[in-house]
Amino acid sequence: MSKGQQWDVVSGVGITALAVAAARAVETGRPDALIEDPYARGFVGAARAPVKLPTTPAEAEAADGRGYWAQVSTYIAVRTRAFDDYFRQAAEAGVTQAVLLASGLDTRAFRLPWPERTVVYEIDQPLVLDFKLTVLREHGATAGGVHRPVGADLREDWPAALEAAGFDRARPTAWLAEGLLPYLPSEAEESLFHEIHRLSAPGSRLAVEAIGNIPGALADTAANGSVRTLGVDLADLIHTGQRPAPADRLTNLGWNVRTVPATETAAEHGRPLSPAFVERDARYVFADRPPRAIASSAMSSVIRPPV
């Protein structure tokens, strides 16, 4: 999509957020659900998508004889649980400021047990945020902490919009980039990490979903059928050019980094991924920015970050 172009939840990148909500709804209906999202089904019902999206395990099973939605909902459940746990751990460590980048129809601000002083910022397109908040109000959703939506495009000056909404760069922050990086060209991804670094106080944390094999993900049967299942061609939205791994970018900026394969998280919860999703080589990158004295010492032998 071109810079400055907006989208809602039934067009372009926006419908991928709706599909993720559908997958969370399917998972919520399982007796052994890894996550519970009481609002996900409401998003799908209110959106009037150009294609029918399942919201229950039975609908997912009937939607595609090849089991596409069952595979998707399993992966989304594993990913969602991994980052839910990340935010819970950050809150337990005393981090009281969170930023969800390209939050889409994420409902963590409303379904996680945030400490009272926590401020949760969500950055996304204004049309996406307006739709989400309208549906949440209709369902009586209440944020656990202080919820501050920020209507901004990540390809533009989103840091200024974030700070205008009250973001405090002196306060440690828990950041999340989930389901985002494949939709950014390499230079935009590099800028994103540098801006996160610039805005992050020592003690801040960052969680990132990284797909190691994007061309392989696009080549699998599910992605090839995206026009049928989602009404959009994912190949038109995703950038496949070579770029440094997120873990390498963050290490060069002086962050401590830990990478967990999605297959490992799935196995931990007894929900193995399908071969198609194993092929995507998804990884969850968890990083923290150490105190300045430690960071300065570590940076003596690596690329110096921008001020």
Protein backbone atom coordinates (compact mmCIF):
# COMPACT_ATOMS: atom_id res chain seq x y z
CA MET A 1 0.00 0.00 0.00
CA SER A 2 1.16 3.52 -0.72
CA LYS A 3 2.24 5.88 2.01
CA GLY A 4 -0.65 7.84 3.47
CA GLN A 5 -3.28 5.36 2.27
CA GLN A 6 -5.75 4.32 4.97
CA TRP A 7 -7.61 1.04 5.35
CA ASP A 8 -10.39 -0.39 7.50
CA VAL A 9 -10.96 -3.93 8.79
CA VAL A 10 -12.45 -5.29 5.55
CA SER A 11 -9.80 -4.08 3.08
CA GLY A 12 -6.07 -4.46 2.52
CA VAL A 13 -3.98 -5.20 5.60
CA GLY A 14 -7.02 -4.53 7.77
CA ILE A 15 -8.76 -7.76 6.82
CA THR A 16 -5.77 -9.74 8.08
CA ALA A 17 -6.51 -8.27 11.53
CA LEU A 18 -10.11 -9.43 11.17
CA ALA A 19 -8.89 -12.92 10.20
CA VAL A 20 -6.71 -13.00 13.33
CA ALA A 21 -9.75 -12.04 15.41
CA ALA A 22 -11.67 -14.90 13.77
CA ALA A 23 -8.86 -17.29 14.70
CA ARG A 24 -8.94 -16.07 18.31
CA ALA A 25 -12.71 -16.60 18.38
CA VAL A 26 -12.26 -20.16 17.10
CA GLU A 27 -9.64 -20.86 19.77
CA THR A 28 -11.81 -19.35 22.51
CA GLY A 29 -14.49 -21.92 21.66
CA ARG A 30 -12.20 -24.89 22.28
CA PRO A 31 -12.50 -26.77 25.59
CA ASP A 32 -8.69 -26.69 25.90
CA ALA A 33 -8.27 -23.07 24.75
CA LEU A 34 -4.86 -21.49 25.31
CA ILE A 35 -6.40 -18.00 25.33
CA GLU A 36 -9.83 -16.48 25.84
CA ASP A 37 -10.98 -13.47 23.85
CA PRO A 38 -14.66 -12.73 24.58
CA TYR A 39 -14.71 -9.87 22.05
CA ALA A 40 -13.21 -11.53 18.95
CA ARG A 41 -16.48 -13.02 17.70
CA GLY A 42 -18.17 -9.62 17.97
CA PHE A 43 -15.61 -8.04 15.62
CA VAL A 44 -16.28 -10.63 12.92
CA GLY A 45 -20.04 -10.25 13.27
CA ALA A 46 -19.91 -6.45 13.05
CA ALA A 47 -17.43 -6.18 10.18
CA ARG A 48 -19.44 -7.57 7.25
CA ALA A 49 -16.37 -9.00 5.59
CA PRO A 50 -16.41 -9.83 1.86
CA VAL A 51 -15.86 -13.51 2.73
CA LYS A 52 -17.32 -15.62 5.52
CA LEU A 53 -14.93 -16.04 8.45
CA PRO A 54 -15.41 -18.79 11.04
CA THR A 55 -15.82 -17.96 14.73
CA THR A 56 -16.31 -21.43 16.27
CA PRO A 57 -14.35 -24.71 16.04
CA ALA A 58 -17.24 -26.30 14.12
CA GLU A 59 -17.32 -23.46 11.59
CA ALA A 60 -13.55 -23.65 11.19
CA GLU A 61 -13.74 -27.37 10.51
CA ALA A 62 -16.49 -26.88 7.91
CA ALA A 63 -14.94 -23.82 6.24
CA ASP A 64 -12.20 -25.65 4.34
CA GLY A 65 -11.76 -29.37 3.90
CA ARG A 66 -7.97 -28.96 4.02
CA GLY A 67 -8.05 -27.73 7.60
CA TYR A 68 -6.75 -24.24 6.84
CA TRP A 69 -8.63 -22.48 9.64
CA ALA A 70 -7.77 -25.15 12.19
CA GLN A 71 -4.08 -24.62 11.37
CA VAL A 72 -4.38 -20.85 11.53
CA SER A 73 -6.28 -20.80 14.82
CA THR A 74 -3.71 -23.11 16.41
CA TYR A 75 -0.82 -20.88 15.38
CA ILE A 76 -2.63 -17.69 16.45
CA ALA A 77 -3.44 -19.28 19.81
CA VAL A 78 0.22 -20.17 20.39
CA ARG A 79 1.41 -16.71 19.33
CA THR A 80 -1.22 -14.90 21.38
CA ARG A 81 -0.43 -16.93 24.48
CA ALA A 82 3.30 -16.25 24.12
CA PHE A 83 2.77 -12.49 24.04
CA ASP A 84 0.05 -12.54 26.71
CA ASP A 85 2.61 -14.17 29.01
CA TYR A 86 5.20 -11.58 27.98
CA PHE A 87 2.93 -8.72 29.11
CA ARG A 88 2.03 -10.50 32.35
CA GLN A 89 5.72 -10.92 33.15
CA ALA A 90 6.46 -7.28 32.31
CA ALA A 91 3.66 -6.15 34.64
CA GLU A 92 4.97 -8.41 37.42
CA ALA A 93 8.40 -6.79 36.93
CA GLY A 94 6.90 -3.33 37.48
CA VAL A 95 6.68 -2.08 33.88
CA THR A 96 3.61 0.19 33.79
CA GLN A 97 3.66 1.50 30.21
CA ALA A 98 2.86 -0.66 27.17
CA VAL A 99 2.73 0.08 23.44
CA LEU A 100 1.10 -2.21 20.88
CA LEU A 101 2.33 -1.37 17.38
CA ALA A 102 -0.20 -1.90 14.56
CA SER A 103 -2.55 -3.29 17.21
CA GLY A 104 -5.35 -4.17 14.81
CA LEU A 105 -8.20 -5.85 16.68
CA ASP A 106 -6.01 -6.81 19.64
CA THR A 107 -8.00 -6.79 22.91
CA ARG A 108 -5.22 -7.19 25.46
CA ALA A 109 -5.94 -3.75 26.91
CA PHE A 110 -9.37 -5.11 27.89
CA ARG A 111 -8.83 -8.78 28.68
CA LEU A 112 -5.48 -8.91 30.51
CA PRO A 113 -5.21 -8.14 34.25
CA TRP A 114 -3.21 -4.91 34.01
CA PRO A 115 -2.12 -3.23 37.25
CA GLU A 116 -4.15 -0.11 37.90
CA ARG A 117 -1.36 2.39 37.08
CA THR A 118 -0.55 0.83 33.71
CA VAL A 119 -1.07 2.91 30.56
CA VAL A 120 -1.64 0.88 27.38
CA TYR A 121 -1.15 2.66 24.04
CA GLU A 122 -2.44 1.13 20.81
CA ILE A 123 -1.16 2.49 17.50
CA ASP A 124 -3.05 1.78 14.28
CA GLN A 125 -5.03 3.34 11.47
CA PRO A 126 -7.84 5.60 12.76
CA LEU A 127 -10.54 3.62 10.92
CA VAL A 128 -9.36 0.37 12.50
CA LEU A 129 -9.28 1.84 16.01
CA ASP A 130 -12.69 3.51 15.59
CA PHE A 131 -14.26 0.21 14.53
CA LYS A 132 -12.65 -1.68 17.39
CA LEU A 133 -13.66 0.79 20.08
CA THR A 134 -17.23 0.95 18.78
CA VAL A 135 -17.60 -2.84 19.02
CA LEU A 136 -15.92 -2.96 22.43
CA ARG A 137 -18.25 -0.30 23.81
CA GLU A 138 -21.26 -2.23 22.49
CA HIS A 139 -20.01 -5.28 24.40
CA GLY A 140 -19.40 -3.34 27.62
CA ALA A 141 -15.65 -3.87 27.58
CA THR A 142 -13.62 -2.07 30.25
CA ALA A 143 -9.85 -1.54 30.08
CA GLY A 144 -7.82 -2.94 32.96
CA GLY A 145 -5.50 0.08 33.11
CA VAL A 146 -5.55 3.38 31.24
CA HIS A 147 -6.24 2.78 27.55
CA ARG A 148 -5.00 5.35 25.00
CA PRO A 149 -5.61 4.65 21.29
CA VAL A 150 -3.27 6.47 18.90
CA GLY A 151 -4.49 6.87 15.32
CA ALA A 152 -1.26 6.93 13.30
CA ASP A 153 0.47 5.27 10.35
CA LEU A 154 3.71 3.47 11.25
CA ARG A 155 5.19 4.68 7.96
CA GLU A 156 4.83 8.29 9.11
CA ASP A 157 5.64 10.25 12.31
CA TRP A 158 4.02 7.87 14.77
CA PRO A 159 6.44 8.74 17.62
CA ALA A 160 5.12 12.34 17.65
CA ALA A 161 1.54 11.06 17.78
CA LEU A 162 2.45 8.65 20.58
CA GLU A 163 4.10 11.35 22.68
CA ALA A 164 1.18 13.71 22.01
CA ALA A 165 -1.07 11.03 23.53
CA GLY A 166 0.97 11.15 26.76
CA PHE A 167 3.73 8.58 26.22
CA ASP A 168 6.57 9.12 28.71
CA ARG A 169 9.98 8.18 27.29
CA ALA A 170 11.51 8.31 30.80
CA ARG A 171 9.29 5.43 31.87
CA PRO A 172 10.23 1.79 31.04
CA THR A 173 7.94 0.41 28.35
CA ALA A 174 6.80 -3.02 27.17
CA TRP A 175 6.54 -2.88 23.36
CA LEU A 176 4.92 -5.41 21.04
CA ALA A 177 5.31 -5.90 17.27
CA GLU A 178 3.03 -8.86 16.51
CA GLY A 179 2.05 -9.81 12.96
CA LEU A 180 3.63 -6.60 11.69
CA LEU A 181 7.11 -6.95 10.19
CA PRO A 182 6.22 -8.80 6.94
CA TYR A 183 4.05 -5.83 5.94
CA LEU A 184 6.94 -3.37 6.24
CA PRO A 185 9.74 -2.88 3.68
CA SER A 186 13.23 -3.31 5.12
CA GLU A 187 13.94 0.42 5.49
CA ALA A 188 10.66 0.98 7.36
CA GLU A 189 11.46 -1.93 9.66
CA GLU A 190 14.90 -0.50 10.38
CA SER A 191 13.36 2.89 11.18
CA LEU A 192 10.81 1.22 13.46
CA PHE A 193 13.50 -0.43 15.58
CA HIS A 194 15.57 2.74 15.79
CA GLU A 195 12.52 4.73 16.93
CA ILE A 196 11.64 2.12 19.55
CA HIS A 197 15.22 2.31 20.80
CA ARG A 198 15.16 6.11 20.88
CA LEU A 199 11.92 6.16 22.88
CA SER A 200 12.83 3.37 25.30
CA ALA A 201 14.10 4.07 28.79
CA PRO A 202 16.54 1.56 30.32
CA GLY A 203 14.52 -1.36 31.63
CA SER A 204 12.19 -1.34 28.63
CA ARG A 205 11.20 -4.57 26.89
CA LEU A 206 10.25 -5.54 23.37
CA ALA A 207 8.55 -8.63 21.93
CA VAL A 208 8.58 -9.26 18.18
CA GLU A 209 7.14 -11.95 15.93
CA ALA A 210 9.72 -12.77 13.28
CA ILE A 211 9.04 -14.99 10.25
CA GLY A 212 12.25 -16.60 9.05
CA ASN A 213 10.88 -17.95 5.77
CA ILE A 214 8.50 -15.37 4.30
CA PRO A 215 8.78 -16.66 0.69
CA GLY A 216 7.98 -20.14 1.95
CA ALA A 217 5.00 -18.83 3.88
CA LEU A 218 3.62 -17.20 0.74
CA ALA A 219 4.20 -20.33 -1.31
CA ASP A 220 2.22 -22.68 0.92
CA THR A 221 -1.29 -23.78 0.01
CA ALA A 222 -3.02 -21.58 2.57
CA ALA A 223 -1.36 -18.38 1.37
CA ASN A 224 -2.00 -19.27 -2.26
CA GLY A 225 -5.69 -19.54 -1.40
CA SER A 226 -5.82 -16.21 0.44
CA VAL A 227 -8.08 -14.61 -2.16
CA ARG A 228 -10.63 -17.32 -1.48
CA THR A 229 -10.26 -17.39 2.30
CA LEU A 230 -9.69 -13.65 2.98
CA GLY A 231 -10.67 -11.83 -0.18
CA VAL A 232 -7.16 -10.37 -0.60
CA ASP A 233 -3.94 -11.63 -2.13
CA LEU A 234 -1.34 -11.73 0.64
CA ALA A 235 1.44 -11.62 -1.96
CA ASP A 236 0.41 -8.02 -2.73
CA LEU A 237 0.79 -6.98 0.93
CA ILE A 238 3.91 -8.76 2.15
CA HIS A 239 7.52 -7.71 1.50
CA THR A 240 9.90 -10.56 0.72
CA GLY A 241 13.19 -8.69 0.29
CA GLN A 242 16.27 -9.69 2.25
CA ARG A 243 16.77 -7.91 5.58
CA PRO A 244 18.66 -8.39 8.85
CA ALA A 245 16.96 -10.59 11.43
CA PRO A 246 15.17 -8.59 14.16
CA ALA A 247 17.40 -10.21 16.78
CA ASP A 248 20.48 -8.89 14.96
CA ARG A 249 19.03 -5.39 14.66
CA LEU A 250 18.28 -5.30 18.38
CA THR A 251 21.63 -6.76 19.39
CA ASN A 252 23.36 -4.03 17.37
CA LEU A 253 21.33 -1.44 19.24
CA GLY A 254 22.61 -2.81 22.56
CA TRP A 255 19.57 -4.81 23.69
CA ASN A 256 19.75 -8.21 25.39
CA VAL A 257 17.95 -10.66 23.11
CA ARG A 258 16.38 -14.09 23.52
CA THR A 259 14.76 -15.94 20.59
CA VAL A 260 12.20 -18.72 21.04
CA PRO A 261 11.04 -20.79 18.04
CA ALA A 262 7.25 -20.89 17.73
CA THR A 263 7.49 -24.68 17.53
CA GLU A 264 9.03 -24.69 21.01
CA THR A 265 6.22 -22.59 22.45
CA ALA A 266 3.64 -24.78 20.71
CA ALA A 267 5.20 -27.95 22.12
CA GLU A 268 5.29 -26.41 25.60
CA HIS A 269 1.51 -26.01 25.45
CA GLY A 270 0.82 -29.35 23.80
CA ARG A 271 -0.41 -27.77 20.56
CA PRO A 272 2.00 -28.75 17.76
CA LEU A 273 1.93 -26.65 14.60
CA SER A 274 1.01 -28.01 11.19
CA PRO A 275 3.87 -28.68 8.71
CA ALA A 276 2.90 -25.54 6.75
CA PHE A 277 3.35 -23.35 9.82
CA VAL A 278 6.56 -25.12 10.84
CA GLU A 279 7.89 -24.26 7.37
CA ARG A 280 7.34 -20.55 8.04
CA ASP A 281 10.05 -20.68 10.75
CA ALA A 282 8.24 -18.27 13.06
CA ARG A 283 10.21 -17.06 16.06
CA TYR A 284 9.35 -14.93 19.05
CA VAL A 285 12.07 -12.44 19.89
CA PHE A 286 12.17 -11.06 23.41
CA ALA A 287 14.55 -8.20 24.18
CA ASP A 288 15.27 -5.84 27.02
CA ARG A 289 17.23 -2.61 27.16
CA PRO A 290 19.75 -2.82 30.01
CA PRO A 291 20.75 0.02 32.36
CA ARG A 292 22.82 2.72 30.65
CA ALA A 293 26.15 1.77 32.26
CA ILE A 294 25.83 -1.81 31.01
CA ALA A 295 24.57 -0.70 27.61
CA SER A 296 27.47 1.70 27.14
CA SER A 297 29.99 -1.06 27.88
CA ALA A 298 28.25 -3.50 25.53
CA MET A 299 28.09 -0.95 22.73
CA SER A 300 31.85 -0.39 22.67
CA SER A 301 32.25 -3.28 20.21
CA VAL A 302 29.08 -2.97 18.15
CA ILE A 303 27.29 -0.40 16.05
CA ARG A 304 26.47 2.70 18.07
CA PRO A 305 22.70 3.45 18.12
CA PRO A 306 21.28 6.81 17.11
CA VAL A 307 20.65 9.32 19.87
